[in-house]
Amino acid sequence: ITLKQQSLSISAPSRHAQFEQHVSLLSSHSETVRKSSLSYLTSAFSTWPIDECKKPDVDYFFPKLSPLIVDASNDVRRQLLRLFQVLPADEIKGKTEMIEKMQPWIRSGLCHLATSINDSALDVLVWVLNTAGDDLVSGIGGWVKVLDAFMAMLGWLGWTLPDDSSGWTSIKTRRLEPKLFTKALNVLKRFLRAGLEHRQIVPKPSEWGFPLWYTEYYMIPLGIQSNPYRHMGLFGPPLDEESLPYGSREDRQRVYHKLSRAAVEKGLEATKREGGEPGRVAASALEDLANWMKDFQEPTYTRRPIGLPWT
């Protein structure tokens, strides 16, 4: 008989020690232990003073929460969503690297074969869009790869327009139940709004004062990178468009038009013709997409062959 060594103390462990203990138990094999630890963390952020909750930084335990997005237990995923909803938004917004580490688990949940995990992943994605939507769509792979995950979930990923034919071809995929399909369309619409909608920030003159009034109107917008010759591809390795960060709305419009626009609009049109609640959501999404893309101008430049002058 082997007995584990234990230490006894007349004083209870501090809140900070209890917090770290429950964070370490998030990777436990027991479903009950994972759920109870998430419940403790949720209670901590809901009831404790905010300064005590910040002792263990969100960056420390947030990566341990992401794998639970695809947890096999429904109770664990529901408790995880409650914990996400009580986390301070200021600790999440602006931390692009943290969202980038969470993003593969969201994509895995969207593409999962279990519809219950699809549903939970959609709820987590809604929370991310509400809390740090700009960080998600502008991060590495956050625009193209998440959109591809939506296409796979909705069954639109195989819809392409062949070069040698004028007709559409489609790959038969599984069909989601109507309620989940409608929910996925609504979340897709919110995701596209976060990446494509034009949002103009009106500056406040009082922030600068005389003589720097309305200075923001004459500054280069944030997220715009000055690189006028990048289309020539003179330097650097071949670009992986799926894994690149797209910090500006213009870049996201360009990549969306090149890689996904045809499949998205084809899928929405097919859903619109089916009618019902999904059809109404699809019709609304098509109308919004037309407004978000009406100012898009497709680039007219062409790549110059090596050794040949411009004509």
Protein backbone atom coordinates (compact mmCIF):
# COMPACT_ATOMS: atom_id res chain seq x y z
CA ILE A 1 0.00 0.00 0.00
CA THR A 2 1.40 3.34 -1.10
CA LEU A 3 0.23 6.55 0.50
CA LYS A 4 0.90 9.87 -1.13
CA GLN A 5 2.68 12.43 0.96
CA GLN A 6 0.35 15.16 2.14
CA SER A 7 0.88 18.40 3.97
CA LEU A 8 -1.52 19.62 6.63
CA SER A 9 -1.96 23.22 7.66
CA ILE A 10 -4.26 25.01 10.04
CA SER A 11 -4.63 27.96 7.61
CA ALA A 12 -6.64 27.71 4.42
CA PRO A 13 -4.86 28.35 1.10
CA SER A 14 -5.09 31.85 -0.27
CA ARG A 15 -7.47 32.78 -3.03
CA HIS A 16 -4.57 33.13 -5.40
CA ALA A 17 -3.40 29.59 -4.63
CA GLN A 18 -6.91 28.21 -5.05
CA PHE A 19 -7.23 30.04 -8.34
CA GLU A 20 -4.02 28.51 -9.70
CA GLN A 21 -5.05 25.08 -8.50
CA HIS A 22 -8.35 25.20 -10.37
CA VAL A 23 -6.59 26.49 -13.49
CA SER A 24 -4.29 23.46 -13.36
CA LEU A 25 -7.32 21.16 -13.03
CA LEU A 26 -8.81 22.34 -16.35
CA SER A 27 -6.82 19.61 -18.10
CA SER A 28 -8.12 16.88 -15.81
CA HIS A 29 -9.46 13.66 -17.33
CA SER A 30 -12.54 13.87 -15.13
CA GLU A 31 -15.51 15.71 -16.58
CA THR A 32 -16.75 16.60 -13.09
CA VAL A 33 -13.41 18.12 -12.10
CA ARG A 34 -13.23 20.25 -15.26
CA LYS A 35 -16.75 21.53 -14.75
CA SER A 36 -16.23 22.32 -11.06
CA SER A 37 -13.00 24.18 -11.85
CA LEU A 38 -14.75 26.26 -14.51
CA SER A 39 -17.55 26.98 -12.03
CA TYR A 40 -15.00 28.17 -9.47
CA LEU A 41 -13.29 30.46 -12.00
CA THR A 42 -16.65 31.84 -13.10
CA SER A 43 -17.59 32.58 -9.51
CA ALA A 44 -14.18 34.18 -8.96
CA PHE A 45 -14.59 36.68 -11.76
CA SER A 46 -18.24 37.30 -10.89
CA THR A 47 -17.92 37.95 -7.15
CA TRP A 48 -14.33 38.80 -6.27
CA PRO A 49 -13.00 42.34 -6.42
CA ILE A 50 -11.60 42.95 -9.86
CA ASP A 51 -8.10 43.72 -8.58
CA GLU A 52 -7.89 40.28 -6.95
CA CYS A 53 -9.02 38.59 -10.15
CA LYS A 54 -6.20 40.28 -12.05
CA LYS A 55 -3.47 38.73 -9.91
CA PRO A 56 -3.30 35.70 -12.21
CA ASP A 57 -3.25 37.46 -15.58
CA VAL A 58 -5.77 36.42 -18.20
CA ASP A 59 -2.87 35.63 -20.54
CA TYR A 60 -1.77 32.95 -18.06
CA PHE A 61 -4.88 30.77 -18.04
CA PHE A 62 -6.69 31.80 -21.23
CA PRO A 63 -4.78 29.28 -23.42
CA LYS A 64 -5.91 26.53 -21.04
CA LEU A 65 -9.55 27.40 -21.76
CA SER A 66 -9.37 27.15 -25.54
CA PRO A 67 -9.14 23.31 -25.81
CA LEU A 68 -12.39 23.04 -23.84
CA ILE A 69 -14.27 24.55 -26.81
CA VAL A 70 -14.32 21.05 -28.34
CA ASP A 71 -14.78 19.21 -25.02
CA ALA A 72 -16.95 16.11 -25.30
CA SER A 73 -19.13 17.16 -22.35
CA ASN A 74 -22.02 19.52 -22.99
CA ASP A 75 -21.98 20.68 -19.35
CA VAL A 76 -18.30 21.63 -19.57
CA ARG A 77 -18.84 23.63 -22.77
CA ARG A 78 -21.83 25.46 -21.30
CA GLN A 79 -19.87 26.35 -18.19
CA LEU A 80 -16.96 27.47 -20.36
CA LEU A 81 -19.24 29.91 -22.20
CA ARG A 82 -20.44 31.33 -18.86
CA LEU A 83 -16.82 31.89 -17.86
CA PHE A 84 -16.05 33.66 -21.14
CA GLN A 85 -19.02 35.96 -20.63
CA VAL A 86 -17.86 37.14 -17.19
CA LEU A 87 -14.24 37.78 -18.19
CA PRO A 88 -13.38 41.50 -18.24
CA ALA A 89 -13.57 42.70 -21.84
CA ASP A 90 -10.65 45.08 -21.35
CA GLU A 91 -8.40 42.10 -20.62
CA ILE A 92 -9.37 40.46 -23.94
CA LYS A 93 -9.73 43.32 -26.41
CA GLY A 94 -6.54 44.35 -28.15
CA LYS A 95 -4.65 41.11 -27.45
CA THR A 96 -4.45 39.76 -30.98
CA GLU A 97 -1.94 37.02 -30.16
CA MET A 98 -4.25 35.57 -27.53
CA ILE A 99 -7.16 35.46 -29.98
CA GLU A 100 -4.90 33.88 -32.61
CA LYS A 101 -4.10 31.01 -30.24
CA MET A 102 -7.80 30.52 -29.55
CA GLN A 103 -8.80 30.67 -33.21
CA PRO A 104 -7.76 27.09 -34.25
CA TRP A 105 -9.99 25.63 -31.55
CA ILE A 106 -12.94 27.68 -32.80
CA ARG A 107 -12.33 26.44 -36.34
CA SER A 108 -12.09 22.88 -35.06
CA GLY A 109 -15.43 23.30 -33.30
CA LEU A 110 -17.08 24.68 -36.42
CA CYS A 111 -15.86 21.73 -38.52
CA HIS A 112 -16.60 19.08 -35.89
CA LEU A 113 -18.87 16.19 -36.80
CA ALA A 114 -20.91 16.60 -33.59
CA THR A 115 -23.62 19.22 -34.04
CA SER A 116 -23.61 20.02 -30.31
CA ILE A 117 -19.97 21.08 -30.57
CA ASN A 118 -20.82 23.12 -33.68
CA ASP A 119 -23.46 24.91 -31.64
CA SER A 120 -21.06 25.62 -28.77
CA ALA A 121 -18.35 26.86 -31.15
CA LEU A 122 -20.84 29.31 -32.68
CA ASP A 123 -21.66 30.67 -29.21
CA VAL A 124 -17.97 31.15 -28.45
CA LEU A 125 -17.44 32.86 -31.80
CA VAL A 126 -20.29 35.27 -31.06
CA TRP A 127 -18.62 36.14 -27.77
CA VAL A 128 -15.30 36.75 -29.54
CA LEU A 129 -16.97 38.97 -32.15
CA ASN A 130 -18.65 41.01 -29.43
CA THR A 131 -15.49 41.31 -27.33
CA ALA A 132 -12.60 41.42 -29.80
CA GLY A 133 -14.03 41.19 -33.30
CA ASP A 134 -11.37 43.42 -34.86
CA ASP A 135 -8.59 41.33 -33.30
CA LEU A 136 -10.11 38.17 -34.75
CA VAL A 137 -10.55 39.29 -38.36
CA SER A 138 -7.20 41.12 -38.48
CA GLY A 139 -5.13 38.35 -36.90
CA ILE A 140 -3.10 35.64 -38.61
CA GLY A 141 -5.54 33.34 -40.38
CA GLY A 142 -8.47 34.97 -38.66
CA TRP A 143 -10.15 36.08 -41.85
CA VAL A 144 -9.63 33.42 -44.52
CA LYS A 145 -9.36 30.31 -42.34
CA VAL A 146 -12.39 31.07 -40.18
CA LEU A 147 -14.38 31.84 -43.31
CA ASP A 148 -13.29 28.49 -44.79
CA ALA A 149 -14.43 26.79 -41.59
CA PHE A 150 -17.85 28.38 -42.06
CA MET A 151 -17.94 27.14 -45.65
CA ALA A 152 -17.14 23.59 -44.52
CA MET A 153 -19.77 23.74 -41.79
CA LEU A 154 -22.50 25.02 -44.10
CA GLY A 155 -21.55 22.66 -46.92
CA TRP A 156 -20.42 25.39 -49.32
CA LEU A 157 -16.69 24.68 -49.36
CA GLY A 158 -16.85 22.49 -52.48
CA TRP A 159 -18.84 24.98 -54.55
CA THR A 160 -16.50 26.23 -57.24
CA LEU A 161 -16.67 27.67 -60.70
CA PRO A 162 -14.45 25.58 -63.00
CA ASP A 163 -12.26 27.35 -65.56
CA ASP A 164 -13.47 25.20 -68.45
CA SER A 165 -17.19 25.44 -67.73
CA SER A 166 -19.76 28.12 -67.14
CA GLY A 167 -21.79 26.12 -64.66
CA TRP A 168 -21.46 25.57 -60.94
CA THR A 169 -20.37 22.28 -59.46
CA SER A 170 -21.03 21.26 -55.89
CA ILE A 171 -19.86 18.55 -53.53
CA LYS A 172 -22.52 16.78 -51.52
CA THR A 173 -21.97 17.38 -47.81
CA ARG A 174 -23.91 16.80 -44.63
CA ARG A 175 -26.84 19.08 -43.97
CA LEU A 176 -27.30 20.82 -40.63
CA GLU A 177 -30.64 20.81 -38.92
CA PRO A 178 -32.70 23.95 -39.74
CA LYS A 179 -32.30 25.60 -36.33
CA LEU A 180 -28.51 25.19 -36.27
CA PHE A 181 -28.25 26.13 -39.95
CA THR A 182 -30.11 29.39 -39.29
CA LYS A 183 -27.90 30.13 -36.31
CA ALA A 184 -24.78 29.50 -38.38
CA LEU A 185 -26.02 31.91 -41.07
CA ASN A 186 -26.61 34.62 -38.47
CA VAL A 187 -23.12 34.18 -37.00
CA LEU A 188 -21.60 34.17 -40.51
CA LYS A 189 -23.36 37.46 -41.20
CA ARG A 190 -21.92 38.97 -38.02
CA PHE A 191 -18.46 37.69 -38.92
CA LEU A 192 -18.65 39.24 -42.39
CA ARG A 193 -19.87 42.50 -40.87
CA ALA A 194 -16.85 42.60 -38.55
CA GLY A 195 -14.50 42.26 -41.50
CA LEU A 196 -16.21 44.14 -44.33
CA GLU A 197 -18.41 46.86 -42.83
CA HIS A 198 -17.06 50.37 -43.13
CA ARG A 199 -16.83 51.99 -39.71
CA GLN A 200 -15.86 55.64 -39.59
CA ILE A 201 -14.52 56.93 -36.30
CA VAL A 202 -15.33 60.59 -35.74
CA PRO A 203 -12.42 62.23 -33.90
CA LYS A 204 -12.94 64.58 -31.01
CA PRO A 205 -11.26 67.97 -31.42
CA SER A 206 -10.75 68.26 -27.68
CA GLU A 207 -8.31 65.35 -27.68
CA TRP A 208 -5.68 67.43 -29.50
CA GLY A 209 -6.51 71.05 -28.97
CA PHE A 210 -5.39 74.10 -30.90
CA PRO A 211 -3.72 74.13 -33.38
CA LEU A 212 -4.04 70.35 -33.99
CA TRP A 213 -7.75 70.26 -34.66
CA TYR A 214 -9.15 67.30 -36.66
CA THR A 215 -5.66 65.89 -37.09
CA GLU A 216 -6.98 62.32 -37.47
CA TYR A 217 -8.57 63.25 -40.79
CA TYR A 218 -5.12 63.86 -42.28
CA MET A 219 -3.33 60.83 -40.81
CA ILE A 220 -2.88 57.41 -42.38
CA PRO A 221 -5.57 55.12 -40.89
CA LEU A 222 -4.44 52.44 -38.47
CA GLY A 223 -3.93 49.08 -40.10
CA ILE A 224 -2.89 50.54 -43.46
CA GLN A 225 0.60 49.41 -44.41
CA SER A 226 2.46 51.42 -47.04
CA ASN A 227 3.80 48.85 -49.51
CA PRO A 228 2.98 50.02 -53.06
CA TYR A 229 5.13 47.40 -54.84
CA ARG A 230 4.03 44.27 -53.00
CA HIS A 231 1.99 43.09 -56.01
CA MET A 232 5.23 42.62 -57.96
CA GLY A 233 6.42 39.90 -55.58
CA LEU A 234 10.07 40.91 -55.83
CA PHE A 235 11.14 39.97 -52.32
CA GLY A 236 10.26 37.37 -49.75
CA PRO A 237 8.82 33.84 -49.99
CA PRO A 238 5.58 33.03 -51.84
CA LEU A 239 2.64 34.46 -49.98
CA ASP A 240 0.28 32.18 -48.11
CA GLU A 241 -2.93 34.16 -48.38
CA GLU A 242 -4.78 31.95 -45.91
CA SER A 243 -2.31 32.56 -43.07
CA LEU A 244 -1.63 36.25 -43.59
CA PRO A 245 -3.03 38.92 -41.26
CA TYR A 246 -5.32 41.41 -42.96
CA GLY A 247 -5.44 44.52 -40.83
CA SER A 248 -7.31 46.79 -43.23
CA ARG A 249 -10.81 46.52 -44.59
CA GLU A 250 -9.53 46.95 -48.15
CA ASP A 251 -7.27 43.91 -47.84
CA ARG A 252 -10.09 41.80 -46.43
CA GLN A 253 -12.36 42.90 -49.27
CA ARG A 254 -9.74 41.95 -51.84
CA VAL A 255 -9.07 38.49 -50.38
CA TYR A 256 -12.76 37.82 -49.82
CA HIS A 257 -13.53 38.73 -53.43
CA LYS A 258 -10.70 36.53 -54.71
CA LEU A 259 -11.18 33.41 -52.58
CA SER A 260 -14.65 33.23 -51.07
CA ARG A 261 -17.11 35.69 -52.56
CA ALA A 262 -18.39 33.43 -55.32
CA ALA A 263 -18.99 30.46 -53.01
CA VAL A 264 -20.60 32.58 -50.27
CA GLU A 265 -23.01 34.33 -52.64
CA LYS A 266 -23.85 31.06 -54.38
CA GLY A 267 -24.64 29.40 -51.06
CA LEU A 268 -26.73 32.33 -49.86
CA GLU A 269 -28.65 32.43 -53.13
CA ALA A 270 -29.43 28.71 -52.87
CA THR A 271 -30.56 29.15 -49.26
CA LYS A 272 -32.69 32.15 -50.21
CA ARG A 273 -34.58 30.11 -52.79
CA GLU A 274 -35.39 27.48 -50.17
CA GLY A 275 -37.35 30.04 -48.15
CA GLY A 276 -38.25 29.81 -44.50
CA GLU A 277 -36.22 31.37 -41.70
CA PRO A 278 -32.86 30.43 -43.30
CA GLY A 279 -34.04 32.01 -46.53
CA ARG A 280 -34.89 35.29 -44.80
CA VAL A 281 -31.49 35.38 -43.08
CA ALA A 282 -29.74 34.63 -46.39
CA ALA A 283 -31.66 37.39 -48.17
CA SER A 284 -30.68 39.88 -45.46
CA ALA A 285 -27.06 38.76 -45.66
CA LEU A 286 -26.97 39.20 -49.44
CA GLU A 287 -28.34 42.72 -49.11
CA ASP A 288 -25.78 43.63 -46.47
CA LEU A 289 -22.93 42.11 -48.48
CA ALA A 290 -23.91 44.22 -51.47
CA ASN A 291 -23.63 47.34 -49.31
CA TRP A 292 -20.32 46.30 -47.74
CA MET A 293 -18.74 45.51 -51.12
CA LYS A 294 -20.21 48.32 -53.23
CA ASP A 295 -17.07 50.47 -52.88
CA PHE A 296 -14.73 47.59 -53.72
CA GLN A 297 -12.64 48.00 -56.84
CA GLU A 298 -10.84 44.96 -58.14
CA PRO A 299 -7.10 45.60 -58.69
CA THR A 300 -6.22 46.05 -62.35
CA TYR A 301 -2.48 45.43 -62.10
CA THR A 302 -0.89 42.26 -63.45
CA ARG A 303 2.23 40.45 -62.35
CA ARG A 304 5.18 41.23 -64.64
CA PRO A 305 7.00 38.16 -66.02
CA ILE A 306 10.60 38.00 -64.92
CA GLY A 307 12.94 39.56 -67.50
CA LEU A 308 10.22 41.40 -69.43
CA PRO A 309 9.62 45.15 -69.25
CA TRP A 310 6.30 46.74 -68.47
CA THR A 311 4.15 47.42 -71.50
